[in-house]
Amino acid sequence: MRPWDLAGGMARIDLALKTLTAETATVSQLWSDDANRAFVDKYVKAAQMRVRNLLDALRRLSEVLAEAERNCGQM
């Protein structure tokens, strides 16, 4: 594994996002009042959006690093 290989970290972050989403759904079945909806809207949905944006950025960075590695190997 190369030090700049982001796949492992991205997979762990993606799993954490899936876990957060699943646990939020589970909790929302038991706690389904306005306070829960406000909490989900304010914190959980915002965190999910930030994590998705992070994963998109990491995918793009991974592509750039792979291209740089290929270019350096051609020299």
Protein backbone atom coordinates (compact mmCIF):
# COMPACT_ATOMS: atom_id res chain seq x y z
CA MET A 1 0.00 0.00 0.00
CA ARG A 2 1.33 3.38 -0.97
CA PRO A 3 1.28 6.22 1.58
CA TRP A 4 -0.91 8.24 -0.78
CA ASP A 5 -3.43 5.45 -1.35
CA LEU A 6 -6.70 6.87 -0.11
CA ALA A 7 -8.92 3.84 -0.77
CA GLY A 8 -8.75 2.35 2.73
CA GLY A 9 -9.60 5.60 4.47
CA MET A 10 -12.36 6.33 2.00
CA ALA A 11 -13.87 2.90 2.61
CA ARG A 12 -13.85 3.44 6.38
CA ILE A 13 -15.46 6.87 5.99
CA ASP A 14 -18.09 5.45 3.64
CA LEU A 15 -18.86 2.65 6.11
CA ALA A 16 -19.19 5.21 8.92
CA LEU A 17 -21.64 7.22 6.81
CA LYS A 18 -23.71 4.10 6.10
CA THR A 19 -23.68 3.23 9.80
CA LEU A 20 -24.77 6.75 10.75
CA THR A 21 -27.62 6.58 8.24
CA ALA A 22 -28.77 3.16 9.45
CA GLU A 23 -28.56 4.09 13.13
CA THR A 24 -30.43 7.33 12.50
CA ALA A 25 -33.23 5.36 10.86
CA THR A 26 -33.34 2.95 13.80
CA VAL A 27 -33.46 5.74 16.37
CA SER A 28 -36.07 7.62 14.37
CA GLN A 29 -38.41 4.64 14.67
CA LEU A 30 -38.27 4.96 18.45
CA TRP A 31 -37.93 8.75 18.71
CA SER A 32 -40.22 10.26 16.12
CA ASP A 33 -41.20 13.64 17.46
CA ASP A 34 -40.39 17.18 16.35
CA ALA A 35 -37.21 17.22 18.43
CA ASN A 36 -35.86 14.18 16.57
CA ARG A 37 -36.74 15.65 13.20
CA ALA A 38 -35.04 18.91 14.16
CA PHE A 39 -31.95 17.03 15.34
CA VAL A 40 -31.78 14.97 12.14
CA ASP A 41 -32.28 18.03 9.95
CA LYS A 42 -29.77 20.20 11.82
CA TYR A 43 -27.00 17.72 12.56
CA VAL A 44 -27.33 14.38 10.79
CA LYS A 45 -28.30 15.61 7.33
CA ALA A 46 -25.61 18.29 7.49
CA ALA A 47 -22.99 15.72 8.49
CA GLN A 48 -24.12 13.37 5.73
CA MET A 49 -23.78 16.12 3.13
CA ARG A 50 -20.30 17.10 4.37
CA VAL A 51 -19.14 13.49 4.34
CA ARG A 52 -20.48 12.94 0.81
CA ASN A 53 -18.65 16.07 -0.33
CA LEU A 54 -15.49 14.85 1.41
CA LEU A 55 -15.72 11.47 -0.31
CA ASP A 56 -16.21 13.14 -3.70
CA ALA A 57 -13.15 15.32 -3.11
CA LEU A 58 -11.09 12.31 -1.99
CA ARG A 59 -12.12 10.38 -5.11
CA ARG A 60 -10.97 13.26 -7.31
CA LEU A 61 -7.72 13.56 -5.35
CA SER A 62 -7.15 9.83 -5.69
CA GLU A 63 -7.56 10.12 -9.47
CA VAL A 64 -5.06 12.98 -9.60
CA LEU A 65 -2.55 11.02 -7.52
CA ALA A 66 -2.96 7.93 -9.72
CA GLU A 67 -2.38 10.04 -12.82
CA ALA A 68 0.70 11.64 -11.27
CA GLU A 69 2.04 8.19 -10.41
CA ARG A 70 1.49 7.00 -13.98
CA ASN A 71 3.18 10.12 -15.37
CA CYS A 72 6.18 9.71 -13.06
CA GLY A 73 6.49 6.07 -14.06
CA GLN A 74 6.74 7.03 -17.71
CA MET A 75 9.84 9.16 -17.16
